Amino acid sequence: MTDDNRDSVATSSTDPNCGDPSDGDRDFLWIKVKDFPYTCQEIDTKRRIAVANGTKGFLTIPTDRVKGIECGKVLGSYNYWLYAAEKVPAYYTAHPELVGLGVNSAESRKQDQLHIHMAAFHPEVKEDLGKIKTPVTDPAKWTDPSAIFPIRGRDPKNGDLVTRNYRVLWLKALDQNLFWLLDQNVARSPDNMKLQTMVSIPGLNGLWVLNSQGTLPGGNGTGTCDYLLACR
């Protein structure tokens, strides 16, 4: 689908799934990029994003009102995930290959402005992904039972090992809008999209894309990216 067609499904700023520019509750990040751009590390006017400090690591935040993963604007021509990936080398100059990207579900996030975490991934994540010999490579099969794998991470509260189940997809390149792929092949509606978490981990000649939700078929899912990324 063309960018123009994708934009046609992107909703207006008054859509409850996107929020309103006048919002204030749980919207510190929105207020930060809207009214106080000098507190951000960077404002990229061309891509309409800001980069700000997270609790650990950094955050890529749209400078337009985008409430979260459920907002139709993430499906449009502004490819926020790609923009975040392109910023990683500038903020992690030593080892950008050890940095993943992640977004939380609506129920797991604390701020109602889309923010993509840019943070180091735990080594156990890459170890478990490396054990997958025949990963799913077709986004249309992302929900197949064969795509679900247990992946170890770390509890952000105490550092203990935690295993959760994820739908795992292998892509040769980040040449598509991952939000669009998730919406079209997994969520298929804003109500279901808001339940999703998504994480990308760089690999050799490609990238891993992990998705989960609290109601993952088979159980032991999660709506947060915090187990895989050291972002808190």
C-alpha atoms as a PDB file:
ATOM      1  CA  MET A   1       0.000   0.000   0.000  1.00  0.00           C
ATOM      2  CA  THR A   2       1.278   3.468  -0.815  1.00  0.00           C
ATOM      3  CA  ASP A   3       2.039   6.104   1.774  1.00  0.00           C
ATOM      4  CA  ASP A   4      -0.921   8.126   0.504  1.00  0.00           C
ATOM      5  CA  ASN A   5      -3.277   5.226   1.166  1.00  0.00           C
ATOM      6  CA  ARG A   6      -1.774   4.621   4.561  1.00  0.00           C
ATOM      7  CA  ASP A   7      -2.321   8.260   5.440  1.00  0.00           C
ATOM      8  CA  SER A   8      -5.977   7.864   4.488  1.00  0.00           C
ATOM      9  CA  VAL A   9      -6.445   5.428   7.379  1.00  0.00           C
ATOM     10  CA  ALA A  10      -4.494   7.612   9.812  1.00  0.00           C
ATOM     11  CA  THR A  11      -6.948   9.343  12.132  1.00  0.00           C
ATOM     12  CA  SER A  12      -7.196  12.985  13.106  1.00  0.00           C
ATOM     13  CA  SER A  13      -5.743  14.472  16.279  1.00  0.00           C
ATOM     14  CA  THR A  14      -9.248  14.537  17.836  1.00  0.00           C
ATOM     15  CA  ASP A  15      -9.626  10.758  17.595  1.00  0.00           C
ATOM     16  CA  PRO A  16      -9.626   9.313  21.148  1.00  0.00           C
ATOM     17  CA  ASN A  17      -7.042   6.760  20.039  1.00  0.00           C
ATOM     18  CA  CYS A  18      -4.676   9.607  19.138  1.00  0.00           C
ATOM     19  CA  GLY A  19      -5.444  12.097  21.896  1.00  0.00           C
ATOM     20  CA  ASP A  20      -5.958  15.822  21.614  1.00  0.00           C
ATOM     21  CA  PRO A  21      -3.288  18.544  21.499  1.00  0.00           C
ATOM     22  CA  SER A  22      -4.825  20.073  24.640  1.00  0.00           C
ATOM     23  CA  ASP A  23      -4.429  16.884  26.701  1.00  0.00           C
ATOM     24  CA  GLY A  24      -2.575  17.095  29.981  1.00  0.00           C
ATOM     25  CA  ASP A  25      -3.256  13.958  32.047  1.00  0.00           C
ATOM     26  CA  ARG A  26      -0.484  11.355  31.772  1.00  0.00           C
ATOM     27  CA  ASP A  27       0.983  13.471  29.020  1.00  0.00           C
ATOM     28  CA  PHE A  28       4.252  14.765  30.414  1.00  0.00           C
ATOM     29  CA  LEU A  29       6.078  13.594  27.285  1.00  0.00           C
ATOM     30  CA  TRP A  30       3.575  15.342  25.015  1.00  0.00           C
ATOM     31  CA  ILE A  31       3.916  18.571  26.981  1.00  0.00           C
ATOM     32  CA  LYS A  32       7.685  18.169  26.900  1.00  0.00           C
ATOM     33  CA  VAL A  33       7.953  18.001  23.114  1.00  0.00           C
ATOM     34  CA  LYS A  34       5.141  20.509  22.503  1.00  0.00           C
ATOM     35  CA  ASP A  35       6.044  23.301  24.907  1.00  0.00           C
ATOM     36  CA  PHE A  36       9.579  22.682  26.097  1.00  0.00           C
ATOM     37  CA  PRO A  37      11.677  21.504  23.149  1.00  0.00           C
ATOM     38  CA  TYR A  38      14.888  22.755  24.722  1.00  0.00           C
ATOM     39  CA  THR A  39      14.651  19.948  27.334  1.00  0.00           C
ATOM     40  CA  CYS A  40      15.020  17.362  24.552  1.00  0.00           C
ATOM     41  CA  GLN A  41      18.308  16.104  23.182  1.00  0.00           C
ATOM     42  CA  GLU A  42      17.194  16.851  19.638  1.00  0.00           C
ATOM     43  CA  ILE A  43      14.235  18.086  17.629  1.00  0.00           C
ATOM     44  CA  ASP A  44      14.127  16.717  14.078  1.00  0.00           C
ATOM     45  CA  THR A  45      11.682  18.996  12.266  1.00  0.00           C
ATOM     46  CA  LYS A  46      11.887  17.065   8.984  1.00  0.00           C
ATOM     47  CA  ARG A  47      10.843  13.763  10.573  1.00  0.00           C
ATOM     48  CA  ARG A  48       8.645  15.481  13.183  1.00  0.00           C
ATOM     49  CA  ILE A  49      10.255  13.670  16.105  1.00  0.00           C
ATOM     50  CA  ALA A  50      12.187  14.538  19.229  1.00  0.00           C
ATOM     51  CA  VAL A  51      14.833  12.509  21.029  1.00  0.00           C
ATOM     52  CA  ALA A  52      14.767  12.787  24.810  1.00  0.00           C
ATOM     53  CA  ASN A  53      16.350  11.078  27.786  1.00  0.00           C
ATOM     54  CA  GLY A  54      14.504   8.086  29.165  1.00  0.00           C
ATOM     55  CA  THR A  55      14.850   6.609  32.637  1.00  0.00           C
ATOM     56  CA  LYS A  56      17.615   4.607  30.975  1.00  0.00           C
ATOM     57  CA  GLY A  57      18.559   5.101  27.369  1.00  0.00           C
ATOM     58  CA  PHE A  58      16.644   7.463  25.100  1.00  0.00           C
ATOM     59  CA  LEU A  59      13.142   7.968  23.725  1.00  0.00           C
ATOM     60  CA  THR A  60      11.999   8.844  20.220  1.00  0.00           C
ATOM     61  CA  ILE A  61       8.809  10.891  20.500  1.00  0.00           C
ATOM     62  CA  PRO A  62       6.594  12.344  17.722  1.00  0.00           C
ATOM     63  CA  THR A  63       6.218  16.112  17.909  1.00  0.00           C
ATOM     64  CA  ASP A  64       2.633  15.680  16.700  1.00  0.00           C
ATOM     65  CA  ARG A  65      -0.057  14.424  19.062  1.00  0.00           C
ATOM     66  CA  VAL A  66       0.142  10.622  18.901  1.00  0.00           C
ATOM     67  CA  LYS A  67      -1.274   9.027  22.024  1.00  0.00           C
ATOM     68  CA  GLY A  68       0.300   5.615  21.552  1.00  0.00           C
ATOM     69  CA  ILE A  69       0.553   2.450  19.497  1.00  0.00           C
ATOM     70  CA  GLU A  70      -3.216   2.441  18.917  1.00  0.00           C
ATOM     71  CA  CYS A  71      -3.240   5.784  17.084  1.00  0.00           C
ATOM     72  CA  GLY A  72      -3.774   5.467  13.336  1.00  0.00           C
ATOM     73  CA  LYS A  73      -1.051   8.043  12.706  1.00  0.00           C
ATOM     74  CA  VAL A  74       1.616   5.398  13.363  1.00  0.00           C
ATOM     75  CA  LEU A  75       0.465   3.680  10.157  1.00  0.00           C
ATOM     76  CA  GLY A  76       1.062   6.709   7.968  1.00  0.00           C
ATOM     77  CA  SER A  77       3.960   8.082   5.983  1.00  0.00           C
ATOM     78  CA  TYR A  78       5.895   9.182   9.087  1.00  0.00           C
ATOM     79  CA  ASN A  79       7.772   5.966   9.814  1.00  0.00           C
ATOM     80  CA  TYR A  80       8.553   6.570  13.477  1.00  0.00           C
ATOM     81  CA  TRP A  81      10.179   3.180  14.006  1.00  0.00           C
ATOM     82  CA  LEU A  82      12.587   3.695  11.145  1.00  0.00           C
ATOM     83  CA  TYR A  83      13.396   7.191  12.365  1.00  0.00           C
ATOM     84  CA  ALA A  84      14.203   5.829  15.825  1.00  0.00           C
ATOM     85  CA  ALA A  85      16.489   3.182  14.316  1.00  0.00           C
ATOM     86  CA  GLU A  86      18.292   5.840  12.309  1.00  0.00           C
ATOM     87  CA  LYS A  87      18.980   7.826  15.493  1.00  0.00           C
ATOM     88  CA  VAL A  88      20.583   4.937  17.390  1.00  0.00           C
ATOM     89  CA  PRO A  89      24.159   5.317  15.986  1.00  0.00           C
ATOM     90  CA  ALA A  90      24.282   8.969  17.017  1.00  0.00           C
ATOM     91  CA  TYR A  91      23.364   8.203  20.635  1.00  0.00           C
ATOM     92  CA  TYR A  92      25.158   4.878  21.009  1.00  0.00           C
ATOM     93  CA  THR A  93      28.368   5.521  19.127  1.00  0.00           C
ATOM     94  CA  ALA A  94      30.354   2.660  20.664  1.00  0.00           C
ATOM     95  CA  HIS A  95      28.012  -0.296  20.158  1.00  0.00           C
ATOM     96  CA  PRO A  96      24.790   0.549  18.281  1.00  0.00           C
ATOM     97  CA  GLU A  97      24.435  -3.148  17.439  1.00  0.00           C
ATOM     98  CA  LEU A  98      23.646  -3.823  21.110  1.00  0.00           C
ATOM     99  CA  VAL A  99      20.655  -1.463  21.139  1.00  0.00           C
ATOM    100  CA  GLY A 100      17.045  -2.453  20.589  1.00  0.00           C
ATOM    101  CA  LEU A 101      13.849  -0.476  20.112  1.00  0.00           C
ATOM    102  CA  GLY A 102      10.614  -1.070  21.959  1.00  0.00           C
ATOM    103  CA  VAL A 103       7.132   0.254  22.545  1.00  0.00           C
ATOM    104  CA  ASN A 104       4.690  -0.632  25.310  1.00  0.00           C
ATOM    105  CA  SER A 105       1.012  -1.443  25.113  1.00  0.00           C
ATOM    106  CA  ALA A 106      -1.528   1.098  26.333  1.00  0.00           C
ATOM    107  CA  GLU A 107      -2.050  -0.836  29.560  1.00  0.00           C
ATOM    108  CA  SER A 108       1.681  -1.044  30.294  1.00  0.00           C
ATOM    109  CA  ARG A 109       2.812   2.485  29.504  1.00  0.00           C
ATOM    110  CA  LYS A 110       2.843   5.338  31.985  1.00  0.00           C
ATOM    111  CA  GLN A 111       2.711   8.190  29.463  1.00  0.00           C
ATOM    112  CA  ASP A 112       0.041   8.756  26.809  1.00  0.00           C
ATOM    113  CA  GLN A 113       2.329  10.106  24.099  1.00  0.00           C
ATOM    114  CA  LEU A 114       3.954   7.599  21.770  1.00  0.00           C
ATOM    115  CA  HIS A 115       7.544   6.987  22.810  1.00  0.00           C
ATOM    116  CA  ILE A 116       9.856   4.378  21.327  1.00  0.00           C
ATOM    117  CA  HIS A 117      12.478   3.208  23.782  1.00  0.00           C
ATOM    118  CA  MET A 118      16.065   3.121  22.502  1.00  0.00           C
ATOM    119  CA  ALA A 119      17.992   0.987  24.988  1.00  0.00           C
ATOM    120  CA  ALA A 120      20.453  -1.860  25.333  1.00  0.00           C
ATOM    121  CA  PHE A 121      18.867  -5.295  25.139  1.00  0.00           C
ATOM    122  CA  HIS A 122      19.693  -7.980  27.688  1.00  0.00           C
ATOM    123  CA  PRO A 123      22.207 -10.574  26.427  1.00  0.00           C
ATOM    124  CA  GLU A 124      19.822 -13.456  27.113  1.00  0.00           C
ATOM    125  CA  VAL A 125      17.502 -12.067  24.465  1.00  0.00           C
ATOM    126  CA  LYS A 126      20.070 -12.473  21.698  1.00  0.00           C
ATOM    127  CA  GLU A 127      21.073 -15.884  23.023  1.00  0.00           C
ATOM    128  CA  ASP A 128      17.513 -17.198  22.794  1.00  0.00           C
ATOM    129  CA  LEU A 129      16.891 -15.637  19.392  1.00  0.00           C
ATOM    130  CA  GLY A 130      20.057 -17.315  18.139  1.00  0.00           C
ATOM    131  CA  LYS A 131      18.553 -20.705  18.989  1.00  0.00           C
ATOM    132  CA  ILE A 132      15.691 -20.204  16.524  1.00  0.00           C
ATOM    133  CA  LYS A 133      16.778 -22.190  13.471  1.00  0.00           C
ATOM    134  CA  THR A 134      13.781 -21.627  11.189  1.00  0.00           C
ATOM    135  CA  PRO A 135      12.219 -18.287  12.076  1.00  0.00           C
ATOM    136  CA  VAL A 136       9.038 -17.023  10.476  1.00  0.00           C
ATOM    137  CA  THR A 137       9.955 -14.573   7.713  1.00  0.00           C
ATOM    138  CA  ASP A 138       6.515 -13.913   6.235  1.00  0.00           C
ATOM    139  CA  PRO A 139       4.586 -11.227   8.189  1.00  0.00           C
ATOM    140  CA  ALA A 140       1.338 -12.931   7.126  1.00  0.00           C
ATOM    141  CA  LYS A 141       2.379 -15.888   9.317  1.00  0.00           C
ATOM    142  CA  TRP A 142       3.330 -13.800  12.333  1.00  0.00           C
ATOM    143  CA  THR A 143       0.404 -15.156  14.369  1.00  0.00           C
ATOM    144  CA  ASP A 144       1.063 -18.804  13.522  1.00  0.00           C
ATOM    145  CA  PRO A 145       1.808 -20.975  16.577  1.00  0.00           C
ATOM    146  CA  SER A 146       5.169 -21.751  14.961  1.00  0.00           C
ATOM    147  CA  ALA A 147       6.136 -18.088  15.405  1.00  0.00           C
ATOM    148  CA  ILE A 148       5.774 -18.115  19.214  1.00  0.00           C
ATOM    149  CA  PHE A 149       8.933 -18.658  21.257  1.00  0.00           C
ATOM    150  CA  PRO A 150       9.922 -18.264  24.920  1.00  0.00           C
ATOM    151  CA  ILE A 151      12.495 -15.497  25.283  1.00  0.00           C
ATOM    152  CA  ARG A 152      14.352 -14.687  28.469  1.00  0.00           C
ATOM    153  CA  GLY A 153      14.723 -11.162  29.752  1.00  0.00           C
ATOM    154  CA  ARG A 154      15.154  -9.342  33.036  1.00  0.00           C
ATOM    155  CA  ASP A 155      12.641  -8.047  35.556  1.00  0.00           C
ATOM    156  CA  PRO A 156      13.244  -4.275  35.624  1.00  0.00           C
ATOM    157  CA  LYS A 157      12.378  -4.171  39.329  1.00  0.00           C
ATOM    158  CA  ASN A 158      14.916  -6.669  40.631  1.00  0.00           C
ATOM    159  CA  GLY A 159      16.991  -7.902  37.677  1.00  0.00           C
ATOM    160  CA  ASP A 160      15.781 -11.492  37.970  1.00  0.00           C
ATOM    161  CA  LEU A 161      15.544 -13.633  34.861  1.00  0.00           C
ATOM    162  CA  VAL A 162      12.024 -13.632  33.401  1.00  0.00           C
ATOM    163  CA  THR A 163      10.744 -15.701  30.489  1.00  0.00           C
ATOM    164  CA  ARG A 164       7.816 -14.540  28.387  1.00  0.00           C
ATOM    165  CA  ASN A 165       6.391 -15.767  25.096  1.00  0.00           C
ATOM    166  CA  TYR A 166       6.669 -13.653  21.956  1.00  0.00           C
ATOM    167  CA  ARG A 167       5.647 -13.845  18.334  1.00  0.00           C
ATOM    168  CA  VAL A 168       9.007 -13.677  16.557  1.00  0.00           C
ATOM    169  CA  LEU A 169       9.521 -12.442  13.004  1.00  0.00           C
ATOM    170  CA  TRP A 170      12.798 -12.208  11.080  1.00  0.00           C
ATOM    171  CA  LEU A 171      13.194  -9.476   8.472  1.00  0.00           C
ATOM    172  CA  LYS A 172      16.150  -8.910   6.174  1.00  0.00           C
ATOM    173  CA  ALA A 173      15.825  -5.146   6.415  1.00  0.00           C
ATOM    174  CA  LEU A 174      13.883  -2.394   8.120  1.00  0.00           C
ATOM    175  CA  ASP A 175      12.312  -1.311   4.841  1.00  0.00           C
ATOM    176  CA  GLN A 176       8.677  -1.348   5.977  1.00  0.00           C
ATOM    177  CA  ASN A 177       6.696   0.430   8.675  1.00  0.00           C
ATOM    178  CA  LEU A 178       6.701  -2.076  11.545  1.00  0.00           C
ATOM    179  CA  PHE A 179       3.587  -0.519  13.055  1.00  0.00           C
ATOM    180  CA  TRP A 180       1.828  -1.143   9.750  1.00  0.00           C
ATOM    181  CA  LEU A 181       2.995  -4.763   9.653  1.00  0.00           C
ATOM    182  CA  LEU A 182       1.801  -5.297  13.215  1.00  0.00           C
ATOM    183  CA  ASP A 183      -1.573  -3.709  12.546  1.00  0.00           C
ATOM    184  CA  GLN A 184      -2.223  -5.604   9.322  1.00  0.00           C
ATOM    185  CA  ASN A 185      -0.953  -9.024  10.371  1.00  0.00           C
ATOM    186  CA  VAL A 186      -1.577  -9.233  14.110  1.00  0.00           C
ATOM    187  CA  ALA A 187      -3.823  -6.572  15.630  1.00  0.00           C
ATOM    188  CA  ARG A 188      -6.196  -5.680  12.762  1.00  0.00           C
ATOM    189  CA  SER A 189      -8.077  -3.123  14.909  1.00  0.00           C
ATOM    190  CA  PRO A 190      -7.246  -0.175  17.210  1.00  0.00           C
ATOM    191  CA  ASP A 191      -8.799  -2.003  20.184  1.00  0.00           C
ATOM    192  CA  ASN A 192      -6.428  -4.920  19.677  1.00  0.00           C
ATOM    193  CA  MET A 193      -3.494  -2.729  18.650  1.00  0.00           C
ATOM    194  CA  LYS A 194      -3.502  -1.024  22.042  1.00  0.00           C
ATOM    195  CA  LEU A 195      -2.799  -4.409  23.687  1.00  0.00           C
ATOM    196  CA  GLN A 196       0.447  -4.963  21.777  1.00  0.00           C
ATOM    197  CA  THR A 197       4.072  -4.507  22.669  1.00  0.00           C
ATOM    198  CA  MET A 198       6.755  -4.632  19.975  1.00  0.00           C
ATOM    199  CA  VAL A 199      10.539  -4.831  20.137  1.00  0.00           C
ATOM    200  CA  SER A 200      13.176  -4.929  17.399  1.00  0.00           C
ATOM    201  CA  ILE A 201      16.614  -6.439  17.952  1.00  0.00           C
ATOM    202  CA  PRO A 202      19.374  -6.049  15.346  1.00  0.00           C
ATOM    203  CA  GLY A 203      20.807  -9.236  13.891  1.00  0.00           C
ATOM    204  CA  LEU A 204      23.366 -10.254  11.316  1.00  0.00           C
ATOM    205  CA  ASN A 205      22.041  -9.046   7.948  1.00  0.00           C
ATOM    206  CA  GLY A 206      18.601  -8.337   9.316  1.00  0.00           C
ATOM    207  CA  LEU A 207      16.544  -7.775  12.436  1.00  0.00           C
ATOM    208  CA  TRP A 208      14.307  -9.655  14.829  1.00  0.00           C
ATOM    209  CA  VAL A 209      10.862  -8.231  15.523  1.00  0.00           C
ATOM    210  CA  LEU A 210       9.184  -9.518  18.675  1.00  0.00           C
ATOM    211  CA  ASN A 211       5.551  -8.946  19.564  1.00  0.00           C
ATOM    212  CA  SER A 212       3.482  -9.986  22.538  1.00  0.00           C
ATOM    213  CA  GLN A 213       0.405  -9.095  24.557  1.00  0.00           C
ATOM    214  CA  GLY A 214      -0.983 -10.013  27.946  1.00  0.00           C
ATOM    215  CA  THR A 215      -3.629 -12.183  26.294  1.00  0.00           C
ATOM    216  CA  LEU A 216      -1.199 -13.983  23.989  1.00  0.00           C
ATOM    217  CA  PRO A 217      -2.633 -17.335  22.804  1.00  0.00           C
ATOM    218  CA  GLY A 218      -0.982 -20.068  24.804  1.00  0.00           C
ATOM    219  CA  GLY A 219      -0.367 -17.741  27.723  1.00  0.00           C
ATOM    220  CA  ASN A 220       2.699 -16.190  29.365  1.00  0.00           C
ATOM    221  CA  GLY A 221       2.573 -13.113  27.160  1.00  0.00           C
ATOM    222  CA  THR A 222       3.293  -9.523  28.130  1.00  0.00           C
ATOM    223  CA  GLY A 223       2.310  -6.017  27.124  1.00  0.00           C
ATOM    224  CA  THR A 224       5.642  -4.435  28.024  1.00  0.00           C
ATOM    225  CA  CYS A 225       9.020  -4.206  26.330  1.00  0.00           C
ATOM    226  CA  ASP A 226      10.755  -3.702  29.668  1.00  0.00           C
ATOM    227  CA  TYR A 227      11.746  -7.357  30.081  1.00  0.00           C
ATOM    228  CA  LEU A 228      13.835  -7.313  26.914  1.00  0.00           C
ATOM    229  CA  LEU A 229      15.321  -3.798  27.052  1.00  0.00           C
ATOM    230  CA  ALA A 230      17.222  -2.131  29.880  1.00  0.00           C
ATOM    231  CA  CYS A 231      15.059   0.969  29.742  1.00  0.00           C
ATOM    232  CA  ARG A 232      14.078   1.301  33.415  1.00  0.00           C
END
